[in-house]
PDB file of N, CA and C in Angstrom:
ATOM      1  N   MET A   1      94.847 -94.258  76.846  1.00  0.00           N
ATOM      2  CA  MET A   1      94.760 -95.124  75.684  1.00  0.00           C
ATOM      3  C   MET A   1      94.278 -94.289  74.504  1.00  0.00           C
ATOM      4  N   LYS A   2      95.023 -94.333  73.438  1.00  0.00           N
ATOM      5  CA  LYS A   2      94.687 -93.569  72.248  1.00  0.00           C
ATOM      6  C   LYS A   2      94.024 -94.500  71.235  1.00  0.00           C
ATOM      7  N   ILE A   3      92.846 -94.114  70.797  1.00  0.00           N
ATOM      8  CA  ILE A   3      92.090 -94.927  69.830  1.00  0.00           C
ATOM      9  C   ILE A   3      91.839 -94.085  68.594  1.00  0.00           C
ATOM     10  N   THR A   4      92.099 -94.662  67.449  1.00  0.00           N
ATOM     11  CA  THR A   4      91.858 -93.970  66.189  1.00  0.00           C
ATOM     12  C   THR A   4      90.513 -94.404  65.630  1.00  0.00           C
ATOM     13  N   PRO A   5      89.939 -93.614  64.737  1.00  0.00           N
ATOM     14  CA  PRO A   5      88.682 -94.008  64.104  1.00  0.00           C
ATOM     15  C   PRO A   5      88.799 -95.352  63.370  1.00  0.00           C
ATOM     16  N   VAL A   6      89.933 -95.608  62.760  1.00  0.00           N
ATOM     17  CA  VAL A   6      90.130 -96.863  62.028  1.00  0.00           C
ATOM     18  C   VAL A   6      90.062 -98.042  62.994  1.00  0.00           C
ATOM     19  N   GLU A   7      90.682 -97.893  64.175  1.00  0.00           N
ATOM     20  CA  GLU A   7      90.633 -98.967  65.168  1.00  0.00           C
ATOM     21  C   GLU A   7      89.201 -99.239  65.610  1.00  0.00           C
ATOM     22  N   LEU A   8      88.423 -98.187  65.751  1.00  0.00           N
ATOM     23  CA  LEU A   8      87.016 -98.382  66.126  1.00  0.00           C
ATOM     24  C   LEU A   8      86.257 -99.117  65.028  1.00  0.00           C
ATOM     25  N   HIS A   9      86.529 -98.755  63.781  1.00  0.00           N
ATOM     26  CA  HIS A   9      85.849 -99.423  62.668  1.00  0.00           C
ATOM     27  C   HIS A   9      86.217-100.901  62.595  1.00  0.00           C
ATOM     28  N   GLN A  10      87.436-101.233  62.959  1.00  0.00           N
ATOM     29  CA  GLN A  10      87.913-102.608  62.799  1.00  0.00           C
ATOM     30  C   GLN A  10      87.739-103.454  64.060  1.00  0.00           C
ATOM     31  N   LYS A  11      87.292-102.876  65.152  1.00  0.00           N
ATOM     32  CA  LYS A  11      87.153-103.615  66.408  1.00  0.00           C
ATOM     33  C   LYS A  11      86.115-104.720  66.260  1.00  0.00           C
ATOM     34  N   VAL A  12      86.483-105.899  66.715  1.00  0.00           N
ATOM     35  CA  VAL A  12      85.577-107.057  66.686  1.00  0.00           C
ATOM     36  C   VAL A  12      85.475-107.587  68.109  1.00  0.00           C
ATOM     37  N   PHE A  13      84.252-107.757  68.591  1.00  0.00           N
ATOM     38  CA  PHE A  13      84.006-108.281  69.922  1.00  0.00           C
ATOM     39  C   PHE A  13      83.714-109.771  69.832  1.00  0.00           C
ATOM     40  N   GLN A  14      84.109-110.496  70.865  1.00  0.00           N
ATOM     41  CA  GLN A  14      83.784-111.918  70.902  1.00  0.00           C
ATOM     42  C   GLN A  14      82.306-112.071  71.231  1.00  0.00           C
ATOM     43  N   LYS A  15      81.713-113.066  70.659  1.00  0.00           N
ATOM     44  CA  LYS A  15      80.288-113.286  70.873  1.00  0.00           C
ATOM     45  C   LYS A  15      80.107-114.259  72.029  1.00  0.00           C
ATOM     46  N   SER A  16      79.073-113.996  72.785  1.00  0.00           N
ATOM     47  CA  SER A  16      78.713-114.907  73.871  1.00  0.00           C
ATOM     48  C   SER A  16      77.216-115.144  73.824  1.00  0.00           C
ATOM     49  N   VAL A  17      76.782-116.107  74.568  1.00  0.00           N
ATOM     50  CA  VAL A  17      75.369-116.491  74.537  1.00  0.00           C
ATOM     51  C   VAL A  17      74.487-115.340  74.975  1.00  0.00           C
ATOM     52  N   PHE A  18      74.866-114.672  76.027  1.00  0.00           N
ATOM     53  CA  PHE A  18      74.043-113.577  76.538  1.00  0.00           C
ATOM     54  C   PHE A  18      74.696-112.221  76.324  1.00  0.00           C
ATOM     55  N   GLY A  19      75.461-112.073  75.262  1.00  0.00           N
ATOM     56  CA  GLY A  19      76.193-110.845  74.975  1.00  0.00           C
ATOM     57  C   GLY A  19      75.304-109.775  74.376  1.00  0.00           C
ATOM     58  N   TYR A  20      75.946-108.684  74.004  1.00  0.00           N
ATOM     59  CA  TYR A  20      75.241-107.566  73.395  1.00  0.00           C
ATOM     60  C   TYR A  20      74.890-107.892  71.954  1.00  0.00           C
ATOM     61  N   ASP A  21      73.928-107.145  71.436  1.00  0.00           N
ATOM     62  CA  ASP A  21      73.525-107.298  70.030  1.00  0.00           C
ATOM     63  C   ASP A  21      74.673-106.794  69.154  1.00  0.00           C
ATOM     64  N   PRO A  22      75.276-107.648  68.330  1.00  0.00           N
ATOM     65  CA  PRO A  22      76.422-107.239  67.511  1.00  0.00           C
ATOM     66  C   PRO A  22      76.104-106.075  66.587  1.00  0.00           C
ATOM     67  N   ASP A  23      74.913-106.029  66.006  1.00  0.00           N
ATOM     68  CA  ASP A  23      74.562-104.922  65.107  1.00  0.00           C
ATOM     69  C   ASP A  23      74.514-103.599  65.865  1.00  0.00           C
ATOM     70  N   GLU A  24      73.958-103.654  67.070  1.00  0.00           N
ATOM     71  CA  GLU A  24      73.868-102.438  67.867  1.00  0.00           C
ATOM     72  C   GLU A  24      75.265-101.957  68.277  1.00  0.00           C
ATOM     73  N   VAL A  25      76.138-102.881  68.673  1.00  0.00           N
ATOM     74  CA  VAL A  25      77.510-102.525  69.039  1.00  0.00           C
ATOM     75  C   VAL A  25      78.237-101.934  67.827  1.00  0.00           C
ATOM     76  N   ASP A  26      78.106-102.575  66.669  1.00  0.00           N
ATOM     77  CA  ASP A  26      78.755-102.074  65.450  1.00  0.00           C
ATOM     78  C   ASP A  26      78.259-100.687  65.089  1.00  0.00           C
ATOM     79  N   GLN A  27      76.960-100.482  65.186  1.00  0.00           N
ATOM     80  CA  GLN A  27      76.388 -99.163  64.869  1.00  0.00           C
ATOM     81  C   GLN A  27      76.935 -98.106  65.831  1.00  0.00           C
ATOM     82  N   TYR A  28      76.990 -98.457  67.106  1.00  0.00           N
ATOM     83  CA  TYR A  28      77.505 -97.513  68.096  1.00  0.00           C
ATOM     84  C   TYR A  28      78.976 -97.192  67.829  1.00  0.00           C
ATOM     85  N   LEU A  29      79.759 -98.201  67.506  1.00  0.00           N
ATOM     86  CA  LEU A  29      81.170 -97.975  67.205  1.00  0.00           C
ATOM     87  C   LEU A  29      81.334 -97.102  65.970  1.00  0.00           C
ATOM     88  N   ARG A  30      80.479 -97.287  64.971  1.00  0.00           N
ATOM     89  CA  ARG A  30      80.541 -96.433  63.781  1.00  0.00           C
ATOM     90  C   ARG A  30      80.227 -94.983  64.146  1.00  0.00           C
ATOM     91  N   GLN A  31      79.252 -94.778  65.015  1.00  0.00           N
ATOM     92  CA  GLN A  31      78.919 -93.423  65.439  1.00  0.00           C
ATOM     93  C   GLN A  31      80.093 -92.784  66.193  1.00  0.00           C
ATOM     94  N   ILE A  32      80.683 -93.551  67.090  1.00  0.00           N
ATOM     95  CA  ILE A  32      81.820 -93.038  67.853  1.00  0.00           C
ATOM     96  C   ILE A  32      82.991 -92.747  66.917  1.00  0.00           C
ATOM     97  N   ALA A  33      83.245 -93.641  65.969  1.00  0.00           N
ATOM     98  CA  ALA A  33      84.339 -93.432  65.019  1.00  0.00           C
ATOM     99  C   ALA A  33      84.100 -92.165  64.199  1.00  0.00           C
ATOM    100  N   GLY A  34      82.873 -91.950  63.747  1.00  0.00           N
ATOM    101  CA  GLY A  34      82.549 -90.729  63.000  1.00  0.00           C
ATOM    102  C   GLY A  34      82.765 -89.486  63.835  1.00  0.00           C
ATOM    103  N   TYR A  35      82.333 -89.556  65.094  1.00  0.00           N
ATOM    104  CA  TYR A  35      82.513 -88.417  65.989  1.00  0.00           C
ATOM    105  C   TYR A  35      84.007 -88.165  66.227  1.00  0.00           C
ATOM    106  N   LEU A  36      84.760 -89.229  66.417  1.00  0.00           N
ATOM    107  CA  LEU A  36      86.196 -89.097  66.628  1.00  0.00           C
ATOM    108  C   LEU A  36      86.883 -88.513  65.395  1.00  0.00           C
ATOM    109  N   GLU A  37      86.469 -88.916  64.219  1.00  0.00           N
ATOM    110  CA  GLU A  37      87.021 -88.347  62.983  1.00  0.00           C
ATOM    111  C   GLU A  37      86.751 -86.853  62.920  1.00  0.00           C
ATOM    112  N   THR A  38      85.530 -86.467  63.290  1.00  0.00           N
ATOM    113  CA  THR A  38      85.173 -85.044  63.305  1.00  0.00           C
ATOM    114  C   THR A  38      86.049 -84.272  64.288  1.00  0.00           C
ATOM    115  N   LEU A  39      86.226 -84.845  65.472  1.00  0.00           N
ATOM    116  CA  LEU A  39      87.047 -84.173  66.480  1.00  0.00           C
ATOM    117  C   LEU A  39      88.499 -84.045  66.025  1.00  0.00           C
ATOM    118  N   LEU A  40      89.029 -85.084  65.412  1.00  0.00           N
ATOM    119  CA  LEU A  40      90.409 -85.025  64.934  1.00  0.00           C
ATOM    120  C   LEU A  40      90.567 -84.002  63.815  1.00  0.00           C
ATOM    121  N   SER A  41      89.570 -83.928  62.942  1.00  0.00           N
ATOM    122  CA  SER A  41      89.620 -82.925  61.868  1.00  0.00           C
ATOM    123  C   SER A  41      89.580 -81.512  62.445  1.00  0.00           C
ATOM    124  N   GLU A  42      88.697 -81.315  63.408  1.00  0.00           N
ATOM    125  CA  GLU A  42      88.603 -80.001  64.044  1.00  0.00           C
ATOM    126  C   GLU A  42      89.909 -79.651  64.760  1.00  0.00           C
ATOM    127  N   GLN A  43      90.491 -80.648  65.422  1.00  0.00           N
ATOM    128  CA  GLN A  43      91.748 -80.414  66.120  1.00  0.00           C
ATOM    129  C   GLN A  43      92.843 -79.993  65.139  1.00  0.00           C
ATOM    130  N   MET A  44      92.936 -80.670  64.020  1.00  0.00           N
ATOM    131  CA  MET A  44      93.942 -80.305  63.022  1.00  0.00           C
ATOM    132  C   MET A  44      93.688 -78.903  62.492  1.00  0.00           C
ATOM    133  N   ALA A  45      92.415 -78.576  62.232  1.00  0.00           N
ATOM    134  CA  ALA A  45      92.080 -77.240  61.736  1.00  0.00           C
ATOM    135  C   ALA A  45      92.447 -76.179  62.776  1.00  0.00           C
ATOM    136  N   LEU A  46      92.169 -76.473  64.038  1.00  0.00           N
ATOM    137  CA  LEU A  46      92.499 -75.513  65.097  1.00  0.00           C
ATOM    138  C   LEU A  46      94.011 -75.343  65.251  1.00  0.00           C
ATOM    139  N   LYS A  47      94.752 -76.424  65.122  1.00  0.00           N
ATOM    140  CA  LYS A  47      96.208 -76.323  65.189  1.00  0.00           C
ATOM    141  C   LYS A  47      96.740 -75.472  64.041  1.00  0.00           C
ATOM    142  N   ASP A  48      96.179 -75.664  62.848  1.00  0.00           N
ATOM    143  CA  ASP A  48      96.604 -74.856  61.704  1.00  0.00           C
ATOM    144  C   ASP A  48      96.271 -73.383  61.931  1.00  0.00           C
ATOM    145  N   ALA A  49      95.060 -73.142  62.444  1.00  0.00           N
ATOM    146  CA  ALA A  49      94.648 -71.759  62.710  1.00  0.00           C
ATOM    147  C   ALA A  49      95.543 -71.132  63.774  1.00  0.00           C
ATOM    148  N   LEU A  50      95.873 -71.902  64.793  1.00  0.00           N
ATOM    149  CA  LEU A  50      96.743 -71.392  65.856  1.00  0.00           C
ATOM    150  C   LEU A  50      98.125 -71.061  65.307  1.00  0.00           C
ATOM    151  N   ARG A  51      98.644 -71.923  64.467  1.00  0.00           N
ATOM    152  CA  ARG A  51      99.959 -71.678  63.866  1.00  0.00           C
ATOM    153  C   ARG A  51      99.917 -70.390  63.037  1.00  0.00           C
ATOM    154  N   GLU A  52      98.834 -70.200  62.282  1.00  0.00           N
ATOM    155  CA  GLU A  52      98.672 -68.988  61.469  1.00  0.00           C
ATOM    156  C   GLU A  52      98.595 -67.748  62.363  1.00  0.00           C
ATOM    157  N   LYS A  53      97.846 -67.849  63.449  1.00  0.00           N
ATOM    158  CA  LYS A  53      97.715 -66.710  64.368  1.00  0.00           C
ATOM    159  C   LYS A  53      99.054 -66.395  65.034  1.00  0.00           C
ATOM    160  N   ASP A  54      99.814 -67.428  65.376  1.00  0.00           N
ATOM    161  CA  ASP A  54     101.134 -67.200  65.953  1.00  0.00           C
ATOM    162  C   ASP A  54     102.042 -66.444  64.977  1.00  0.00           C
ATOM    163  N   LEU A  55     101.961 -66.807  63.699  1.00  0.00           N
ATOM    164  CA  LEU A  55     102.755 -66.103  62.685  1.00  0.00           C
ATOM    165  C   LEU A  55     102.298 -64.650  62.560  1.00  0.00           C
ATOM    166  N   GLN A  56     100.987 -64.428  62.617  1.00  0.00           N
ATOM    167  CA  GLN A  56     100.463 -63.067  62.539  1.00  0.00           C
ATOM    168  C   GLN A  56     100.931 -62.240  63.742  1.00  0.00           C
ATOM    169  N   ILE A  57     100.896 -62.844  64.917  1.00  0.00           N
ATOM    170  CA  ILE A  57     101.334 -62.138  66.122  1.00  0.00           C
ATOM    171  C   ILE A  57     102.806 -61.763  65.997  1.00  0.00           C
ATOM    172  N   LEU A  58     103.603 -62.689  65.521  1.00  0.00           N
ATOM    173  CA  LEU A  58     105.030 -62.402  65.331  1.00  0.00           C
ATOM    174  C   LEU A  58     105.215 -61.243  64.351  1.00  0.00           C
ATOM    175  N   ASN A  59     104.445 -61.267  63.266  1.00  0.00           N
ATOM    176  CA  ASN A  59     104.510 -60.193  62.274  1.00  0.00           C
ATOM    177  C   ASN A  59     104.106 -58.858  62.902  1.00  0.00           C
ATOM    178  N   TYR A  60     103.034 -58.864  63.702  1.00  0.00           N
ATOM    179  CA  TYR A  60     102.589 -57.630  64.348  1.00  0.00           C
ATOM    180  C   TYR A  60     103.616 -57.129  65.354  1.00  0.00           C
ATOM    181  N   LYS A  61     104.275 -58.040  66.056  1.00  0.00           N
ATOM    182  CA  LYS A  61     105.306 -57.620  67.010  1.00  0.00           C
ATOM    183  C   LYS A  61     106.479 -56.972  66.283  1.00  0.00           C
ATOM    184  N   GLU A  62     106.837 -57.528  65.130  1.00  0.00           N
ATOM    185  CA  GLU A  62     107.916 -56.928  64.342  1.00  0.00           C
ATOM    186  C   GLU A  62     107.509 -55.538  63.861  1.00  0.00           C
ATOM    187  N   ARG A  63     106.272 -55.401  63.415  1.00  0.00           N
ATOM    188  CA  ARG A  63     105.780 -54.084  62.977  1.00  0.00           C
ATOM    189  C   ARG A  63     105.767 -53.098  64.136  1.00  0.00           C
ATOM    190  N   GLU A  64     105.323 -53.584  65.307  1.00  0.00           N
ATOM    191  CA  GLU A  64     105.280 -52.721  66.476  1.00  0.00           C
ATOM    192  C   GLU A  64     106.683 -52.213  66.811  1.00  0.00           C
ATOM    193  N   GLN A  65     107.653 -53.103  66.751  1.00  0.00           N
ATOM    194  CA  GLN A  65     109.030 -52.700  67.045  1.00  0.00           C
ATOM    195  C   GLN A  65     109.519 -51.662  66.042  1.00  0.00           C
ATOM    196  N   SER A  66     109.183 -51.865  64.771  1.00  0.00           N
ATOM    197  CA  SER A  66     109.571 -50.891  63.746  1.00  0.00           C
ATOM    198  C   SER A  66     108.930 -49.535  64.017  1.00  0.00           C
ATOM    199  N   LEU A  67     107.662 -49.546  64.401  1.00  0.00           N
ATOM    200  CA  LEU A  67     106.983 -48.287  64.710  1.00  0.00           C
ATOM    201  C   LEU A  67     107.597 -47.613  65.941  1.00  0.00           C
ATOM    202  N   GLN A  68     107.915 -48.423  66.945  1.00  0.00           N
ATOM    203  CA  GLN A  68     108.547 -47.856  68.138  1.00  0.00           C
ATOM    204  C   GLN A  68     109.886 -47.219  67.780  1.00  0.00           C
ATOM    205  N   ASP A  69     110.651 -47.896  66.932  1.00  0.00           N
ATOM    206  CA  ASP A  69     111.936 -47.340  66.500  1.00  0.00           C
ATOM    207  C   ASP A  69     111.734 -46.040  65.726  1.00  0.00           C
ATOM    208  N   ALA A  70     110.715 -46.013  64.861  1.00  0.00           N
ATOM    209  CA  ALA A  70     110.432 -44.801  64.088  1.00  0.00           C
ATOM    210  C   ALA A  70     110.007 -43.657  65.004  1.00  0.00           C
ATOM    211  N   ILE A  71     109.191 -43.967  65.996  1.00  0.00           N
ATOM    212  CA  ILE A  71     108.741 -42.933  66.946  1.00  0.00           C
ATOM    213  C   ILE A  71     109.931 -42.395  67.732  1.00  0.00           C
ATOM    214  N   THR A  72     110.779 -43.290  68.179  1.00  0.00           N
ATOM    215  CA  THR A  72     111.968 -42.858  68.926  1.00  0.00           C
ATOM    216  C   THR A  72     112.854 -41.970  68.060  1.00  0.00           C
ATOM    217  N   GLY A  73     113.059 -42.366  66.812  1.00  0.00           N
ATOM    218  CA  GLY A  73     113.848 -41.555  65.889  1.00  0.00           C
ATOM    219  C   GLY A  73     113.221 -40.201  65.648  1.00  0.00           C
ATOM    220  N   ALA A  74     111.900 -40.162  65.490  1.00  0.00           N
ATOM    221  CA  ALA A  74     111.203 -38.893  65.253  1.00  0.00           C
ATOM    222  C   ALA A  74     111.317 -37.986  66.477  1.00  0.00           C
ATOM    223  N   LYS A  75     111.215 -38.561  67.685  1.00  0.00           N
ATOM    224  CA  LYS A  75     111.355 -37.757  68.898  1.00  0.00           C
ATOM    225  C   LYS A  75     112.756 -37.158  68.998  1.00  0.00           C
ATOM    226  N   GLN A  76     113.758 -37.974  68.689  1.00  0.00           N
ATOM    227  CA  GLN A  76     115.137 -37.478  68.745  1.00  0.00           C
ATOM    228  C   GLN A  76     115.362 -36.375  67.719  1.00  0.00           C
ATOM    229  N   MET A  77     114.815 -36.557  66.527  1.00  0.00           N
ATOM    230  CA  MET A  77     114.960 -35.544  65.482  1.00  0.00           C
ATOM    231  C   MET A  77     114.243 -34.254  65.887  1.00  0.00           C
ATOM    232  N   ALA A  78     113.061 -34.377  66.463  1.00  0.00           N
ATOM    233  CA  ALA A  78     112.315 -33.188  66.887  1.00  0.00           C
ATOM    234  C   ALA A  78     113.074 -32.444  67.985  1.00  0.00           C
ATOM    235  N   GLU A  79     113.656 -33.190  68.917  1.00  0.00           N
ATOM    236  CA  GLU A  79     114.432 -32.558  69.996  1.00  0.00           C
ATOM    237  C   GLU A  79     115.656 -31.831  69.430  1.00  0.00           C
ATOM    238  N   LYS A  80     116.331 -32.462  68.486  1.00  0.00           N
ATOM    239  CA  LYS A  80     117.503 -31.825  67.866  1.00  0.00           C
ATOM    240  C   LYS A  80     117.083 -30.565  67.114  1.00  0.00           C
ATOM    241  N   MET A  81     115.973 -30.623  66.389  1.00  0.00           N
ATOM    242  CA  MET A  81     115.493 -29.446  65.654  1.00  0.00           C
ATOM    243  C   MET A  81     115.130 -28.325  66.619  1.00  0.00           C
ATOM    244  N   ARG A  82     114.517 -28.687  67.759  1.00  0.00           N
ATOM    245  CA  ARG A  82     114.154 -27.669  68.747  1.00  0.00           C
ATOM    246  C   ARG A  82     115.420 -27.004  69.313  1.00  0.00           C
ATOM    247  N   GLU A  83     116.408 -27.821  69.641  1.00  0.00           N
ATOM    248  CA  GLU A  83     117.657 -27.284  70.165  1.00  0.00           C
ATOM    249  C   GLU A  83     118.351 -26.391  69.135  1.00  0.00           C
ATOM    250  N   ASP A  84     118.365 -26.832  67.869  1.00  0.00           N
ATOM    251  CA  ASP A  84     118.967 -26.022  66.803  1.00  0.00           C
ATOM    252  C   ASP A  84     118.228 -24.698  66.639  1.00  0.00           C
ATOM    253  N   ALA A  85     116.904 -24.746  66.711  1.00  0.00           N
ATOM    254  CA  ALA A  85     116.104 -23.523  66.567  1.00  0.00           C
ATOM    255  C   ALA A  85     116.367 -22.565  67.729  1.00  0.00           C
ATOM    256  N   GLN A  86     116.488 -23.115  68.940  1.00  0.00           N
ATOM    257  CA  GLN A  86     116.779 -22.253  70.090  1.00  0.00           C
ATOM    258  C   GLN A  86     118.176 -21.626  69.973  1.00  0.00           C
ATOM    259  N   ARG A  87     119.133 -22.419  69.525  1.00  0.00           N
ATOM    260  CA  ARG A  87     120.491 -21.897  69.349  1.00  0.00           C
ATOM    261  C   ARG A  87     120.487 -20.791  68.294  1.00  0.00           C
ATOM    262  N   GLU A  88     119.789 -21.026  67.191  1.00  0.00           N
ATOM    263  CA  GLU A  88     119.716 -20.010  66.126  1.00  0.00           C
ATOM    264  C   GLU A  88     119.007 -18.756  66.632  1.00  0.00           C
ATOM    265  N   ALA A  89     117.966 -18.928  67.443  1.00  0.00           N
ATOM    266  CA  ALA A  89     117.247 -17.768  67.979  1.00  0.00           C
ATOM    267  C   ALA A  89     118.154 -16.957  68.889  1.00  0.00           C
ATOM    268  N   ARG A  90     118.936 -17.659  69.713  1.00  0.00           N
ATOM    269  CA  ARG A  90     119.881 -16.938  70.587  1.00  0.00           C
ATOM    270  C   ARG A  90     120.916 -16.167  69.765  1.00  0.00           C
ATOM    271  N   LEU A  91     121.389 -16.782  68.672  1.00  0.00           N
ATOM    272  CA  LEU A  91     122.365 -16.097  67.814  1.00  0.00           C
ATOM    273  C   LEU A  91     121.748 -14.857  67.167  1.00  0.00           C
ATOM    274  N   ILE A  92     120.523 -14.987  66.708  1.00  0.00           N
ATOM    275  CA  ILE A  92     119.845 -13.846  66.068  1.00  0.00           C
ATOM    276  C   ILE A  92     119.651 -12.721  67.084  1.00  0.00           C
ATOM    277  N   ILE A  93     119.231 -13.090  68.291  1.00  0.00           N
ATOM    278  CA  ILE A  93     119.019 -12.070  69.330  1.00  0.00           C
ATOM    279  C   ILE A  93     120.345 -11.402  69.701  1.00  0.00           C
ATOM    280  N   SER A  94     121.387 -12.223  69.849  1.00  0.00           N
ATOM    281  CA  SER A  94     122.695 -11.679  70.198  1.00  0.00           C
ATOM    282  C   SER A  94     123.200 -10.737  69.098  1.00  0.00           C
ATOM    283  N   ASP A  95     123.042 -11.146  67.851  1.00  0.00           N
ATOM    284  CA  ASP A  95     123.456 -10.307  66.730  1.00  0.00           C
ATOM    285  C   ASP A  95     122.663  -9.025  66.705  1.00  0.00           C
ATOM    286  N   ALA A  96     121.385  -9.088  66.964  1.00  0.00           N
ATOM    287  CA  ALA A  96     120.532  -7.891  66.966  1.00  0.00           C
ATOM    288  C   ALA A  96     120.942  -6.958  68.101  1.00  0.00           C
ATOM    289  N   GLU A  97     121.286  -7.516  69.270  1.00  0.00           N
ATOM    290  CA  GLU A  97     121.712  -6.679  70.390  1.00  0.00           C
ATOM    291  C   GLU A  97     123.029  -5.974  70.073  1.00  0.00           C
ATOM    292  N   HIS A  98     123.939  -6.695  69.413  1.00  0.00           N
ATOM    293  CA  HIS A  98     125.214  -6.075  69.048  1.00  0.00           C
ATOM    294  C   HIS A  98     124.999  -4.947  68.025  1.00  0.00           C
ATOM    295  N   LYS A  99     124.133  -5.162  67.076  1.00  0.00           N
ATOM    296  CA  LYS A  99     123.846  -4.110  66.068  1.00  0.00           C
ATOM    297  C   LYS A  99     123.166  -2.909  66.733  1.00  0.00           C
ATOM    298  N   ALA A 100     122.306  -3.200  67.706  1.00  0.00           N
ATOM    299  CA  ALA A 100     121.628  -2.112  68.398  1.00  0.00           C
ATOM    300  C   ALA A 100     122.622  -1.288  69.202  1.00  0.00           C
ATOM    301  N   GLU A 101     123.552  -1.946  69.857  1.00  0.00           N
ATOM    302  CA  GLU A 101     124.580  -1.237  70.624  1.00  0.00           C
ATOM    303  C   GLU A 101     125.480  -0.398  69.703  1.00  0.00           C
ATOM    304  N   ALA A 102     125.757  -0.979  68.534  1.00  0.00           N
ATOM    305  CA  ALA A 102     126.617  -0.242  67.590  1.00  0.00           C
ATOM    306  C   ALA A 102     125.903   0.991  67.079  1.00  0.00           C
ATOM    307  N   LEU A 103     124.599   0.933  66.917  1.00  0.00           N
ATOM    308  CA  LEU A 103     123.861   2.100  66.462  1.00  0.00           C
ATOM    309  C   LEU A 103     123.770   3.166  67.535  1.00  0.00           C
ATOM    310  N   VAL A 104     123.726   2.722  68.755  1.00  0.00           N
ATOM    311  CA  VAL A 104     123.590   3.689  69.846  1.00  0.00           C
ATOM    312  C   VAL A 104     124.934   4.283  70.091  1.00  0.00           C
TER     313      VAL A 104
END
């Protein structure tokens, strides 16, 4: 059963000869209604905060993916540069060996 603070404020009990004190019941209902209003406000605030955090997490995941892509690209570029440098070194050594043989 879902009860709103407004329903608590508007609740009216039937009176009986040996019933509860109406003022005490009304006061208690007002306290419960106030507490319920506080809880509902907190719940709404928490839902808003959760929604904001979910958006932040999504943003961070997108950034993480971008960084991973950049790292992968940098690794591939470094590997290509290393291979190019090794190929160039082999060419330089081969050229030097040929010049040395020609001198001898």
